[in-house]
N, C-alpha and C. Protein backbone atom coordinates (compact mmCIF):
# COMPACT_ATOMS: atom_id res chain seq x y z
N MET A 1 64.44 76.13 163.90
CA MET A 1 64.23 76.00 162.47
C MET A 1 65.10 77.02 161.72
N THR A 2 65.74 76.58 160.65
CA THR A 2 66.62 77.43 159.87
C THR A 2 65.82 78.32 158.95
N LYS A 3 66.17 79.60 158.96
CA LYS A 3 65.52 80.56 158.07
C LYS A 3 65.92 80.27 156.63
N LYS A 4 64.95 80.29 155.73
CA LYS A 4 65.21 80.06 154.30
C LYS A 4 65.12 81.39 153.55
N TYR A 5 66.07 81.60 152.67
CA TYR A 5 66.10 82.77 151.81
C TYR A 5 65.72 82.35 150.40
N GLN A 6 65.07 83.24 149.69
CA GLN A 6 64.76 82.98 148.29
C GLN A 6 65.96 83.45 147.46
N VAL A 7 66.47 82.58 146.62
CA VAL A 7 67.62 82.91 145.78
C VAL A 7 67.13 83.32 144.40
N ASN A 8 67.59 84.47 143.94
CA ASN A 8 67.18 85.03 142.65
C ASN A 8 68.41 85.37 141.83
N PHE A 9 68.39 85.06 140.56
CA PHE A 9 69.44 85.46 139.63
C PHE A 9 69.01 86.74 138.92
N THR A 10 69.86 87.74 138.92
CA THR A 10 69.57 88.92 138.10
C THR A 10 69.79 88.55 136.64
N GLU A 11 69.32 89.39 135.76
CA GLU A 11 69.50 89.15 134.33
C GLU A 11 70.99 89.08 134.00
N GLN A 12 71.79 89.96 134.62
CA GLN A 12 73.23 89.96 134.35
C GLN A 12 73.87 88.65 134.79
N ALA A 13 73.47 88.13 135.96
CA ALA A 13 74.01 86.86 136.44
C ALA A 13 73.60 85.71 135.53
N GLN A 14 72.37 85.74 135.03
CA GLN A 14 71.93 84.72 134.07
C GLN A 14 72.77 84.77 132.81
N ASN A 15 73.05 85.99 132.34
CA ASN A 15 73.91 86.15 131.15
C ASN A 15 75.32 85.64 131.42
N ASP A 16 75.84 85.92 132.61
CA ASP A 16 77.16 85.42 132.98
C ASP A 16 77.19 83.90 132.93
N LEU A 17 76.18 83.28 133.50
CA LEU A 17 76.10 81.82 133.55
C LEU A 17 76.02 81.23 132.14
N GLU A 18 75.26 81.87 131.30
CA GLU A 18 75.14 81.41 129.90
C GLU A 18 76.48 81.52 129.17
N ARG A 19 77.20 82.62 129.37
CA ARG A 19 78.52 82.79 128.74
C ARG A 19 79.50 81.73 129.22
N ILE A 20 79.47 81.43 130.52
CA ILE A 20 80.34 80.39 131.08
C ILE A 20 80.01 79.05 130.44
N PHE A 21 78.73 78.75 130.34
CA PHE A 21 78.31 77.49 129.73
C PHE A 21 78.85 77.36 128.31
N TYR A 22 78.63 78.37 127.49
CA TYR A 22 79.05 78.28 126.09
C TYR A 22 80.57 78.25 125.95
N TYR A 23 81.27 78.93 126.84
CA TYR A 23 82.73 78.91 126.81
C TYR A 23 83.24 77.48 127.06
N ILE A 24 82.70 76.82 128.08
CA ILE A 24 83.13 75.45 128.41
C ILE A 24 82.62 74.48 127.35
N ALA A 25 81.41 74.70 126.85
CA ALA A 25 80.81 73.80 125.85
C ALA A 25 81.58 73.79 124.54
N ALA A 26 82.35 74.83 124.28
CA ALA A 26 83.17 74.84 123.07
C ALA A 26 84.15 73.67 123.06
N ASP A 27 84.54 73.23 124.24
CA ASP A 27 85.43 72.07 124.37
C ASP A 27 84.67 70.79 124.70
N SER A 28 83.65 70.92 125.56
CA SER A 28 82.92 69.72 125.99
C SER A 28 81.54 70.09 126.51
N LEU A 29 80.53 69.66 125.80
CA LEU A 29 79.16 69.93 126.23
C LEU A 29 78.87 69.27 127.57
N ASN A 30 79.35 68.06 127.77
CA ASN A 30 79.14 67.35 129.02
C ASN A 30 79.78 68.09 130.20
N ASN A 31 81.01 68.55 130.02
CA ASN A 31 81.67 69.31 131.08
C ASN A 31 80.93 70.60 131.39
N ALA A 32 80.42 71.25 130.35
CA ALA A 32 79.68 72.50 130.55
C ALA A 32 78.42 72.26 131.37
N MET A 33 77.69 71.21 131.02
CA MET A 33 76.46 70.91 131.76
C MET A 33 76.78 70.57 133.22
N ASN A 34 77.78 69.75 133.44
CA ASN A 34 78.15 69.38 134.81
C ASN A 34 78.61 70.58 135.61
N PHE A 35 79.42 71.45 135.00
CA PHE A 35 79.91 72.62 135.70
C PHE A 35 78.77 73.53 136.12
N VAL A 36 77.86 73.80 135.20
CA VAL A 36 76.74 74.71 135.50
C VAL A 36 75.84 74.11 136.58
N ILE A 37 75.59 72.82 136.52
CA ILE A 37 74.77 72.18 137.56
C ILE A 37 75.43 72.32 138.92
N GLU A 38 76.73 72.06 138.99
CA GLU A 38 77.45 72.18 140.27
C GLU A 38 77.47 73.62 140.76
N LEU A 39 77.67 74.56 139.85
CA LEU A 39 77.69 75.97 140.23
C LEU A 39 76.32 76.38 140.76
N GLU A 40 75.26 75.97 140.09
CA GLU A 40 73.91 76.30 140.55
C GLU A 40 73.63 75.69 141.92
N GLN A 41 74.12 74.50 142.18
CA GLN A 41 73.95 73.89 143.50
C GLN A 41 74.62 74.74 144.57
N LYS A 42 75.81 75.26 144.26
CA LYS A 42 76.49 76.14 145.21
C LYS A 42 75.67 77.41 145.44
N VAL A 43 75.16 77.97 144.37
CA VAL A 43 74.36 79.19 144.50
C VAL A 43 73.13 78.93 145.37
N TYR A 44 72.43 77.84 145.12
CA TYR A 44 71.21 77.57 145.89
C TYR A 44 71.50 77.16 147.33
N SER A 45 72.76 76.89 147.65
CA SER A 45 73.12 76.67 149.06
C SER A 45 72.98 77.96 149.86
N LEU A 46 72.87 79.08 149.16
CA LEU A 46 72.67 80.37 149.83
C LEU A 46 71.28 80.51 150.42
N GLU A 47 70.41 79.53 150.19
CA GLU A 47 69.08 79.54 150.80
C GLU A 47 69.18 79.54 152.33
N THR A 48 70.27 78.99 152.84
CA THR A 48 70.48 78.97 154.29
C THR A 48 71.81 79.64 154.61
N PHE A 49 71.80 80.46 155.59
CA PHE A 49 72.98 81.16 156.11
C PHE A 49 73.80 81.87 155.03
N PRO A 50 73.20 82.73 154.22
CA PRO A 50 73.99 83.40 153.19
C PRO A 50 75.04 84.36 153.77
N ASN A 51 74.88 84.73 155.03
CA ASN A 51 75.85 85.62 155.67
C ASN A 51 77.16 84.93 156.00
N ARG A 52 77.24 83.62 155.78
CA ARG A 52 78.45 82.87 156.13
C ARG A 52 79.63 83.19 155.21
N HIS A 53 79.36 83.78 154.07
CA HIS A 53 80.42 84.11 153.12
C HIS A 53 80.86 85.56 153.32
N PRO A 54 82.11 85.84 153.00
CA PRO A 54 82.67 87.17 153.31
C PRO A 54 82.14 88.28 152.41
N LEU A 55 82.24 89.48 152.95
CA LEU A 55 81.98 90.68 152.17
C LEU A 55 83.10 90.83 151.15
N ILE A 56 82.80 91.41 150.01
CA ILE A 56 83.83 91.59 148.98
C ILE A 56 84.64 92.85 149.28
N ARG A 57 85.89 92.83 148.89
CA ARG A 57 86.77 93.97 149.17
C ARG A 57 86.39 95.21 148.38
N GLU A 58 85.68 95.04 147.26
CA GLU A 58 85.28 96.18 146.44
C GLU A 58 84.19 97.02 147.09
N ASN A 59 83.60 96.54 148.17
CA ASN A 59 82.54 97.31 148.84
C ASN A 59 82.99 98.71 149.20
N GLU A 60 84.24 98.84 149.60
CA GLU A 60 84.73 100.17 150.01
C GLU A 60 84.73 101.15 148.84
N PHE A 61 84.87 100.66 147.61
CA PHE A 61 84.85 101.52 146.44
C PHE A 61 83.43 101.79 145.95
N PHE A 62 82.57 100.77 146.03
CA PHE A 62 81.21 100.90 145.53
C PHE A 62 80.22 101.39 146.58
N GLY A 63 80.61 101.36 147.86
CA GLY A 63 79.68 101.73 148.92
C GLY A 63 78.55 100.74 149.05
N THR A 64 78.85 99.46 148.87
CA THR A 64 77.84 98.41 148.89
C THR A 64 78.09 97.44 150.04
N ASP A 65 77.23 96.45 150.14
CA ASP A 65 77.40 95.40 151.17
C ASP A 65 77.30 94.03 150.51
N TYR A 66 77.96 93.87 149.36
CA TYR A 66 77.93 92.63 148.61
C TYR A 66 78.84 91.57 149.25
N ARG A 67 78.49 90.33 149.04
CA ARG A 67 79.27 89.20 149.51
C ARG A 67 79.64 88.35 148.31
N HIS A 68 80.54 87.41 148.54
CA HIS A 68 80.85 86.49 147.45
C HIS A 68 81.05 85.07 147.95
N LEU A 69 80.69 84.17 147.06
CA LEU A 69 80.87 82.74 147.24
C LEU A 69 81.83 82.33 146.13
N ILE A 70 82.88 81.62 146.49
CA ILE A 70 83.85 81.18 145.51
C ILE A 70 83.52 79.75 145.10
N TYR A 71 83.48 79.52 143.79
CA TYR A 71 83.32 78.17 143.27
C TYR A 71 84.36 77.97 142.18
N LYS A 72 85.30 77.10 142.46
CA LYS A 72 86.44 76.85 141.57
C LYS A 72 87.09 78.18 141.27
N LYS A 73 87.11 78.63 140.02
CA LYS A 73 87.77 79.90 139.69
C LYS A 73 86.77 81.04 139.45
N TYR A 74 85.56 80.89 140.00
CA TYR A 74 84.52 81.89 139.79
C TYR A 74 84.07 82.50 141.11
N ARG A 75 83.77 83.78 141.04
CA ARG A 75 83.22 84.51 142.18
C ARG A 75 81.74 84.74 141.90
N ILE A 76 80.92 84.32 142.82
CA ILE A 76 79.48 84.54 142.73
C ILE A 76 79.19 85.72 143.66
N ILE A 77 78.90 86.86 143.08
CA ILE A 77 78.68 88.10 143.84
C ILE A 77 77.18 88.21 144.11
N TYR A 78 76.85 88.43 145.38
CA TYR A 78 75.43 88.49 145.73
C TYR A 78 75.18 89.51 146.83
N ARG A 79 73.90 89.83 146.97
CA ARG A 79 73.44 90.77 147.98
C ARG A 79 72.24 90.17 148.69
N ILE A 80 72.17 90.41 149.98
CA ILE A 80 71.05 89.93 150.78
C ILE A 80 70.13 91.11 151.06
N ILE A 81 68.86 90.95 150.73
CA ILE A 81 67.86 91.97 151.04
C ILE A 81 66.68 91.25 151.67
N ASP A 82 66.41 91.57 152.93
CA ASP A 82 65.33 90.94 153.68
C ASP A 82 65.48 89.41 153.64
N ASN A 83 64.50 88.72 153.06
CA ASN A 83 64.53 87.25 152.99
C ASN A 83 64.95 86.74 151.63
N SER A 84 65.65 87.58 150.88
CA SER A 84 66.05 87.21 149.53
C SER A 84 67.54 87.39 149.33
N VAL A 85 68.09 86.54 148.48
CA VAL A 85 69.48 86.65 148.03
C VAL A 85 69.42 86.94 146.53
N PHE A 86 70.10 87.99 146.11
CA PHE A 86 70.13 88.36 144.70
C PHE A 86 71.54 88.12 144.18
N VAL A 87 71.66 87.18 143.26
CA VAL A 87 72.95 86.90 142.62
C VAL A 87 73.12 87.96 141.55
N LEU A 88 74.17 88.78 141.70
CA LEU A 88 74.37 89.92 140.82
C LEU A 88 75.27 89.59 139.64
N ARG A 89 76.37 88.90 139.90
CA ARG A 89 77.33 88.56 138.86
C ARG A 89 77.98 87.22 139.17
N ILE A 90 78.44 86.55 138.14
CA ILE A 90 79.26 85.35 138.27
C ILE A 90 80.46 85.61 137.36
N ILE A 91 81.61 85.87 137.97
CA ILE A 91 82.77 86.30 137.19
C ILE A 91 83.98 85.42 137.48
N HIS A 92 84.82 85.29 136.48
CA HIS A 92 86.07 84.55 136.63
C HIS A 92 86.98 85.35 137.55
N GLU A 93 87.78 84.65 138.34
CA GLU A 93 88.64 85.31 139.31
C GLU A 93 89.63 86.27 138.65
N ALA A 94 89.95 86.06 137.40
CA ALA A 94 90.91 86.93 136.70
C ALA A 94 90.29 88.26 136.29
N ASN A 95 88.96 88.37 136.33
CA ASN A 95 88.27 89.59 135.89
C ASN A 95 87.96 90.48 137.08
N LEU A 96 87.96 91.77 136.82
CA LEU A 96 87.57 92.74 137.83
C LEU A 96 86.04 92.83 137.87
N LEU A 97 85.52 93.13 139.04
CA LEU A 97 84.07 93.28 139.18
C LEU A 97 83.62 94.58 138.53
N LYS A 98 82.65 94.46 137.62
CA LYS A 98 82.03 95.61 136.98
C LYS A 98 80.54 95.47 137.20
N LEU A 99 79.94 96.49 137.75
CA LEU A 99 78.51 96.42 138.03
C LEU A 99 77.69 97.07 136.99
């Protein structure tokens, strides 16, 4: 049986997702809704085997053990603690990670 992890969005990740939605919605509400739904599906795929995605290179600077999942041009930064996955940030690939 596959171990299931609980996926949680931090407040910052929720804010990131909202900003992404409104940015895309400025051009197309339909595209924004579809993009966010697809992105959330990718995030919730972390319920199983969240360790399958690589550690982020910034770990050496932050002293952390964060991982990332890439979806289109966005990095979903997350951390695994016990049986939970915490989505910390959702950032465009052109932006630097700021915690």
